[in-house]
Amino acid sequence: MAHIRERSVQHPLPELNGHGLRLRPWDPDDDTDVADWLRGVSDPDFQRWNTPLRPITDLTGARNSLRSRAEGAEDGVSASFRVMDAADGRTLGHIGVNDIDHVISVGRVGYWTLPEARGRHVAIRALTLAARWALTDLGLHRLELGHALGHHASCHIAERCGFPAEGTLRGAMFEAGRRDAFRDVHLHGRLATDPEAEL
């Protein structure tokens, strides 16, 4: 594990390119990154399906959130990428490999897209790139993807990218906007030995 941590600190997260996208680490010192992050996590559709442990309501909170993610990358426990249009550099969304456990070689994928980027298969293309990186260069054996039961768009994205459904986790995430009630999670998984889905 020391070798993996040392590699993560010495070599920042890579930039991933392909399928018309550019994925690069979020920069907490970049005002555009901070503003786009705040827009993404403030979006009503994001909030319908997610309840962050720490609500982000302003630019200061967004910057602190991105700093925390940068620290997670340095520690080798997470990797957060700004999803950008390869042609013009506009932010389209986010994709992250979170809760990385190098002992059992597993990570958990999360993503969102900005409203104006929806309907363009951004999440599918970004997940394809990030999963390829995590299961090859990062060396993970398993990636998990969980979404609130009933989130049919996320279910479609997962299956389209080679993450078959594996079951339902009862009461595994907060209800939207609450921390006193829970809802079920639909779990998908993909192994490094599974074939990569074709776009």
C-alpha atoms as a PDB file:
ATOM      1  CA  MET A   1       0.000   0.000   0.000  1.00  0.00           C
ATOM      2  CA  ALA A   2       2.873   2.388   0.677  1.00  0.00           C
ATOM      3  CA  HIS A   3       3.979   2.061  -2.931  1.00  0.00           C
ATOM      4  CA  ILE A   4       0.500   2.936  -4.210  1.00  0.00           C
ATOM      5  CA  ARG A   5       0.192   5.957  -1.929  1.00  0.00           C
ATOM      6  CA  GLU A   6       3.644   7.192  -2.902  1.00  0.00           C
ATOM      7  CA  ARG A   7       2.785   6.880  -6.592  1.00  0.00           C
ATOM      8  CA  SER A   8      -0.445   8.838  -6.084  1.00  0.00           C
ATOM      9  CA  VAL A   9       1.318  11.724  -4.357  1.00  0.00           C
ATOM     10  CA  GLN A  10       4.201  11.966  -6.811  1.00  0.00           C
ATOM     11  CA  HIS A  11       2.060  11.697  -9.928  1.00  0.00           C
ATOM     12  CA  PRO A  12      -1.177  13.729  -9.992  1.00  0.00           C
ATOM     13  CA  LEU A  13      -4.257  12.293 -11.595  1.00  0.00           C
ATOM     14  CA  PRO A  14      -3.908  11.923 -15.349  1.00  0.00           C
ATOM     15  CA  GLU A  15      -5.908  13.656 -17.998  1.00  0.00           C
ATOM     16  CA  LEU A  16      -8.163  11.221 -19.866  1.00  0.00           C
ATOM     17  CA  ASN A  17      -9.162  11.863 -23.460  1.00  0.00           C
ATOM     18  CA  GLY A  18     -11.513  10.126 -25.849  1.00  0.00           C
ATOM     19  CA  HIS A  19     -15.055   9.893 -27.212  1.00  0.00           C
ATOM     20  CA  GLY A  20     -15.134  13.664 -27.702  1.00  0.00           C
ATOM     21  CA  LEU A  21     -14.373  14.327 -24.033  1.00  0.00           C
ATOM     22  CA  ARG A  22     -11.503  15.591 -21.930  1.00  0.00           C
ATOM     23  CA  LEU A  23     -11.414  14.498 -18.288  1.00  0.00           C
ATOM     24  CA  ARG A  24      -9.065  16.392 -16.010  1.00  0.00           C
ATOM     25  CA  PRO A  25      -8.885  16.746 -12.230  1.00  0.00           C
ATOM     26  CA  TRP A  26     -11.000  19.497 -10.697  1.00  0.00           C
ATOM     27  CA  ASP A  27      -8.923  22.485  -9.555  1.00  0.00           C
ATOM     28  CA  PRO A  28     -10.068  24.110  -6.289  1.00  0.00           C
ATOM     29  CA  ASP A  29      -8.033  27.219  -7.152  1.00  0.00           C
ATOM     30  CA  ASP A  30      -9.806  27.744 -10.482  1.00  0.00           C
ATOM     31  CA  ASP A  31     -12.858  30.013 -10.120  1.00  0.00           C
ATOM     32  CA  THR A  32     -14.566  28.475 -13.159  1.00  0.00           C
ATOM     33  CA  ASP A  33     -14.146  24.977 -11.730  1.00  0.00           C
ATOM     34  CA  VAL A  34     -15.568  26.108  -8.400  1.00  0.00           C
ATOM     35  CA  ALA A  35     -18.571  27.800 -10.023  1.00  0.00           C
ATOM     36  CA  ASP A  36     -19.291  24.794 -12.252  1.00  0.00           C
ATOM     37  CA  TRP A  37     -19.029  22.440  -9.267  1.00  0.00           C
ATOM     38  CA  LEU A  38     -21.522  24.545  -7.345  1.00  0.00           C
ATOM     39  CA  ARG A  39     -23.896  24.573 -10.333  1.00  0.00           C
ATOM     40  CA  GLY A  40     -23.694  20.807 -10.630  1.00  0.00           C
ATOM     41  CA  VAL A  41     -24.365  19.930  -7.001  1.00  0.00           C
ATOM     42  CA  SER A  42     -27.073  22.631  -6.722  1.00  0.00           C
ATOM     43  CA  ASP A  43     -29.010  21.330  -9.723  1.00  0.00           C
ATOM     44  CA  PRO A  44     -32.507  20.128  -8.744  1.00  0.00           C
ATOM     45  CA  ASP A  45     -32.080  16.863 -10.656  1.00  0.00           C
ATOM     46  CA  PHE A  46     -28.835  16.136  -8.802  1.00  0.00           C
ATOM     47  CA  GLN A  47     -30.490  16.908  -5.487  1.00  0.00           C
ATOM     48  CA  ARG A  48     -33.455  14.690  -6.348  1.00  0.00           C
ATOM     49  CA  TRP A  49     -31.208  11.626  -6.488  1.00  0.00           C
ATOM     50  CA  ASN A  50     -28.391  12.549  -4.076  1.00  0.00           C
ATOM     51  CA  THR A  51     -28.066  13.846  -0.531  1.00  0.00           C
ATOM     52  CA  PRO A  52     -24.466  14.954   0.122  1.00  0.00           C
ATOM     53  CA  LEU A  53     -23.219  14.463   3.656  1.00  0.00           C
ATOM     54  CA  ARG A  54     -22.220  18.137   3.700  1.00  0.00           C
ATOM     55  CA  PRO A  55     -24.582  20.418   1.775  1.00  0.00           C
ATOM     56  CA  ILE A  56     -22.834  22.846  -0.604  1.00  0.00           C
ATOM     57  CA  THR A  57     -24.713  26.126  -0.886  1.00  0.00           C
ATOM     58  CA  ASP A  58     -22.125  28.725  -1.881  1.00  0.00           C
ATOM     59  CA  LEU A  59     -18.767  29.207  -3.607  1.00  0.00           C
ATOM     60  CA  THR A  60     -16.817  28.821  -0.367  1.00  0.00           C
ATOM     61  CA  GLY A  61     -18.442  25.471   0.291  1.00  0.00           C
ATOM     62  CA  ALA A  62     -17.832  24.398  -3.302  1.00  0.00           C
ATOM     63  CA  ARG A  63     -14.143  25.340  -3.086  1.00  0.00           C
ATOM     64  CA  ASN A  64     -13.758  23.448   0.188  1.00  0.00           C
ATOM     65  CA  SER A  65     -15.456  20.432  -1.357  1.00  0.00           C
ATOM     66  CA  LEU A  66     -13.015  20.458  -4.273  1.00  0.00           C
ATOM     67  CA  ARG A  67     -10.069  20.842  -1.882  1.00  0.00           C
ATOM     68  CA  SER A  68     -11.277  17.787  -0.007  1.00  0.00           C
ATOM     69  CA  ARG A  69     -11.435  15.862  -3.268  1.00  0.00           C
ATOM     70  CA  ALA A  70      -7.913  16.955  -4.186  1.00  0.00           C
ATOM     71  CA  GLU A  71      -6.707  15.678  -0.809  1.00  0.00           C
ATOM     72  CA  GLY A  72      -8.473  12.383  -1.469  1.00  0.00           C
ATOM     73  CA  ALA A  73      -6.588  12.071  -4.748  1.00  0.00           C
ATOM     74  CA  GLU A  74      -3.276  12.724  -2.997  1.00  0.00           C
ATOM     75  CA  ASP A  75      -4.137  10.037  -0.452  1.00  0.00           C
ATOM     76  CA  GLY A  76      -5.032   7.601  -3.225  1.00  0.00           C
ATOM     77  CA  VAL A  77      -8.603   7.086  -1.999  1.00  0.00           C
ATOM     78  CA  SER A  78     -10.523   8.974  -4.687  1.00  0.00           C
ATOM     79  CA  ALA A  79     -10.208  10.448  -8.159  1.00  0.00           C
ATOM     80  CA  SER A  80     -12.490  13.282  -9.286  1.00  0.00           C
ATOM     81  CA  PHE A  81     -12.566  14.469 -12.879  1.00  0.00           C
ATOM     82  CA  ARG A  82     -14.106  17.523 -14.510  1.00  0.00           C
ATOM     83  CA  VAL A  83     -15.805  16.257 -17.687  1.00  0.00           C
ATOM     84  CA  MET A  84     -15.217  18.717 -20.517  1.00  0.00           C
ATOM     85  CA  ASP A  85     -16.106  18.979 -24.183  1.00  0.00           C
ATOM     86  CA  ALA A  86     -12.895  18.145 -26.035  1.00  0.00           C
ATOM     87  CA  ALA A  87     -13.627  20.739 -28.729  1.00  0.00           C
ATOM     88  CA  ASP A  88     -14.343  23.866 -26.691  1.00  0.00           C
ATOM     89  CA  GLY A  89     -13.391  23.019 -23.091  1.00  0.00           C
ATOM     90  CA  ARG A  90     -16.847  23.669 -21.641  1.00  0.00           C
ATOM     91  CA  THR A  91     -17.691  21.813 -18.448  1.00  0.00           C
ATOM     92  CA  LEU A  92     -20.265  19.092 -19.070  1.00  0.00           C
ATOM     93  CA  GLY A  93     -20.261  17.291 -15.742  1.00  0.00           C
ATOM     94  CA  HIS A  94     -18.305  15.232 -13.241  1.00  0.00           C
ATOM     95  CA  ILE A  95     -17.166  11.670 -12.806  1.00  0.00           C
ATOM     96  CA  GLY A  96     -15.339  10.224  -9.832  1.00  0.00           C
ATOM     97  CA  VAL A  97     -13.926   6.964  -8.584  1.00  0.00           C
ATOM     98  CA  ASN A  98     -14.545   7.127  -4.845  1.00  0.00           C
ATOM     99  CA  ASP A  99     -13.903   5.073  -1.702  1.00  0.00           C
ATOM    100  CA  ILE A 100     -10.918   3.382  -3.346  1.00  0.00           C
ATOM    101  CA  ASP A 101      -9.736   0.413  -1.296  1.00  0.00           C
ATOM    102  CA  HIS A 102      -6.385  -0.805  -2.599  1.00  0.00           C
ATOM    103  CA  VAL A 103      -6.436  -3.852  -0.291  1.00  0.00           C
ATOM    104  CA  ILE A 104      -9.509  -5.443  -1.849  1.00  0.00           C
ATOM    105  CA  SER A 105      -8.988  -3.526  -5.110  1.00  0.00           C
ATOM    106  CA  VAL A 106     -12.402  -1.888  -5.366  1.00  0.00           C
ATOM    107  CA  GLY A 107     -13.761   1.604  -6.011  1.00  0.00           C
ATOM    108  CA  ARG A 108     -17.197   3.204  -6.332  1.00  0.00           C
ATOM    109  CA  VAL A 109     -18.212   5.331  -9.292  1.00  0.00           C
ATOM    110  CA  GLY A 110     -20.302   8.485  -9.126  1.00  0.00           C
ATOM    111  CA  TYR A 111     -21.188  11.045 -11.799  1.00  0.00           C
ATOM    112  CA  TRP A 112     -23.472  13.894 -12.796  1.00  0.00           C
ATOM    113  CA  THR A 113     -24.026  16.066 -15.847  1.00  0.00           C
ATOM    114  CA  LEU A 114     -25.035  19.703 -16.103  1.00  0.00           C
ATOM    115  CA  PRO A 115     -28.552  20.349 -17.454  1.00  0.00           C
ATOM    116  CA  GLU A 116     -27.364  21.725 -20.802  1.00  0.00           C
ATOM    117  CA  ALA A 117     -25.222  18.617 -21.409  1.00  0.00           C
ATOM    118  CA  ARG A 118     -27.972  16.044 -20.926  1.00  0.00           C
ATOM    119  CA  GLY A 119     -29.197  13.961 -23.838  1.00  0.00           C
ATOM    120  CA  ARG A 120     -25.722  13.818 -25.403  1.00  0.00           C
ATOM    121  CA  HIS A 121     -24.530  10.545 -23.786  1.00  0.00           C
ATOM    122  CA  VAL A 122     -21.965  12.481 -21.750  1.00  0.00           C
ATOM    123  CA  ALA A 123     -22.222  10.195 -18.711  1.00  0.00           C
ATOM    124  CA  ILE A 124     -21.905   7.074 -20.873  1.00  0.00           C
ATOM    125  CA  ARG A 125     -18.805   8.389 -22.610  1.00  0.00           C
ATOM    126  CA  ALA A 126     -17.234   9.658 -19.375  1.00  0.00           C
ATOM    127  CA  LEU A 127     -17.931   6.419 -17.510  1.00  0.00           C
ATOM    128  CA  THR A 128     -16.348   4.427 -20.333  1.00  0.00           C
ATOM    129  CA  LEU A 129     -13.151   6.487 -20.067  1.00  0.00           C
ATOM    130  CA  ALA A 130     -12.990   6.518 -16.267  1.00  0.00           C
ATOM    131  CA  ALA A 131     -13.753   2.820 -15.898  1.00  0.00           C
ATOM    132  CA  ARG A 132     -11.066   1.884 -18.429  1.00  0.00           C
ATOM    133  CA  TRP A 133      -8.523   3.948 -16.484  1.00  0.00           C
ATOM    134  CA  ALA A 134      -9.565   2.596 -13.072  1.00  0.00           C
ATOM    135  CA  LEU A 135      -9.549  -1.051 -14.170  1.00  0.00           C
ATOM    136  CA  THR A 136      -6.251  -0.850 -16.064  1.00  0.00           C
ATOM    137  CA  ASP A 137      -3.883   1.992 -15.109  1.00  0.00           C
ATOM    138  CA  LEU A 138      -5.129   2.294 -11.526  1.00  0.00           C
ATOM    139  CA  GLY A 139      -5.192  -1.488 -11.250  1.00  0.00           C
ATOM    140  CA  LEU A 140      -8.558  -1.986  -9.542  1.00  0.00           C
ATOM    141  CA  HIS A 141     -10.288  -5.340  -9.861  1.00  0.00           C
ATOM    142  CA  ARG A 142     -13.863  -4.185  -9.222  1.00  0.00           C
ATOM    143  CA  LEU A 143     -15.910  -1.030  -9.699  1.00  0.00           C
ATOM    144  CA  GLU A 144     -19.302  -0.562  -8.083  1.00  0.00           C
ATOM    145  CA  LEU A 145     -22.018   1.830  -9.182  1.00  0.00           C
ATOM    146  CA  GLY A 146     -25.039   2.448  -6.995  1.00  0.00           C
ATOM    147  CA  HIS A 147     -28.040   4.673  -7.673  1.00  0.00           C
ATOM    148  CA  ALA A 148     -31.321   5.350  -5.968  1.00  0.00           C
ATOM    149  CA  LEU A 149     -33.996   2.862  -6.901  1.00  0.00           C
ATOM    150  CA  GLY A 150     -36.144   4.396  -9.606  1.00  0.00           C
ATOM    151  CA  HIS A 151     -33.355   6.406 -11.220  1.00  0.00           C
ATOM    152  CA  HIS A 152     -33.871   4.785 -14.614  1.00  0.00           C
ATOM    153  CA  ALA A 153     -31.402   7.029 -16.470  1.00  0.00           C
ATOM    154  CA  SER A 154     -28.555   5.956 -14.191  1.00  0.00           C
ATOM    155  CA  CYS A 155     -29.605   2.329 -14.535  1.00  0.00           C
ATOM    156  CA  HIS A 156     -29.430   2.627 -18.321  1.00  0.00           C
ATOM    157  CA  ILE A 157     -26.011   4.319 -18.187  1.00  0.00           C
ATOM    158  CA  ALA A 158     -24.608   1.589 -15.942  1.00  0.00           C
ATOM    159  CA  GLU A 159     -25.843  -1.272 -18.090  1.00  0.00           C
ATOM    160  CA  ARG A 160     -24.782   0.470 -21.305  1.00  0.00           C
ATOM    161  CA  CYS A 161     -21.233   0.714 -19.912  1.00  0.00           C
ATOM    162  CA  GLY A 162     -20.945  -2.936 -18.921  1.00  0.00           C
ATOM    163  CA  PHE A 163     -22.062  -2.670 -15.277  1.00  0.00           C
ATOM    164  CA  PRO A 164     -24.774  -5.339 -14.931  1.00  0.00           C
ATOM    165  CA  ALA A 165     -27.313  -5.060 -12.138  1.00  0.00           C
ATOM    166  CA  GLU A 166     -26.361  -7.156  -9.117  1.00  0.00           C
ATOM    167  CA  GLY A 167     -29.198  -6.500  -6.709  1.00  0.00           C
ATOM    168  CA  THR A 168     -30.865  -4.058  -4.345  1.00  0.00           C
ATOM    169  CA  LEU A 169     -29.320  -2.688  -1.160  1.00  0.00           C
ATOM    170  CA  ARG A 170     -32.119  -1.924   1.272  1.00  0.00           C
ATOM    171  CA  GLY A 171     -32.090   1.480   2.955  1.00  0.00           C
ATOM    172  CA  ALA A 172     -28.535   2.179   1.779  1.00  0.00           C
ATOM    173  CA  MET A 173     -28.786   5.912   1.065  1.00  0.00           C
ATOM    174  CA  PHE A 174     -30.604   8.964   2.365  1.00  0.00           C
ATOM    175  CA  GLU A 175     -33.906  10.047   0.933  1.00  0.00           C
ATOM    176  CA  ALA A 176     -33.643  13.231  -1.140  1.00  0.00           C
ATOM    177  CA  GLY A 177     -32.895  16.211   1.098  1.00  0.00           C
ATOM    178  CA  ARG A 178     -33.197  14.221   4.325  1.00  0.00           C
ATOM    179  CA  ARG A 179     -30.935  12.577   6.847  1.00  0.00           C
ATOM    180  CA  ASP A 180     -33.628  10.910   8.908  1.00  0.00           C
ATOM    181  CA  ALA A 181     -35.066   8.602   6.217  1.00  0.00           C
ATOM    182  CA  PHE A 182     -33.535   6.107   3.841  1.00  0.00           C
ATOM    183  CA  ARG A 183     -34.175   4.613   0.408  1.00  0.00           C
ATOM    184  CA  ASP A 184     -33.005   1.581  -1.490  1.00  0.00           C
ATOM    185  CA  VAL A 185     -30.040   1.507  -3.849  1.00  0.00           C
ATOM    186  CA  HIS A 186     -29.757  -0.452  -7.088  1.00  0.00           C
ATOM    187  CA  LEU A 187     -26.234  -1.911  -7.238  1.00  0.00           C
ATOM    188  CA  HIS A 188     -24.260  -2.501 -10.432  1.00  0.00           C
ATOM    189  CA  GLY A 189     -20.735  -3.866 -10.698  1.00  0.00           C
ATOM    190  CA  ARG A 190     -17.994  -4.419 -13.225  1.00  0.00           C
ATOM    191  CA  LEU A 191     -14.803  -6.445 -12.964  1.00  0.00           C
ATOM    192  CA  ALA A 192     -11.510  -5.868 -14.706  1.00  0.00           C
ATOM    193  CA  THR A 193     -12.048  -9.245 -16.397  1.00  0.00           C
ATOM    194  CA  ASP A 194     -15.401  -8.185 -17.894  1.00  0.00           C
ATOM    195  CA  PRO A 195     -15.416  -7.083 -21.523  1.00  0.00           C
ATOM    196  CA  GLU A 196     -15.623  -3.360 -22.164  1.00  0.00           C
ATOM    197  CA  ALA A 197     -18.929  -2.282 -23.657  1.00  0.00           C
ATOM    198  CA  GLU A 198     -18.779  -0.835 -27.156  1.00  0.00           C
ATOM    199  CA  LEU A 199     -20.070   2.692 -27.661  1.00  0.00           C
END
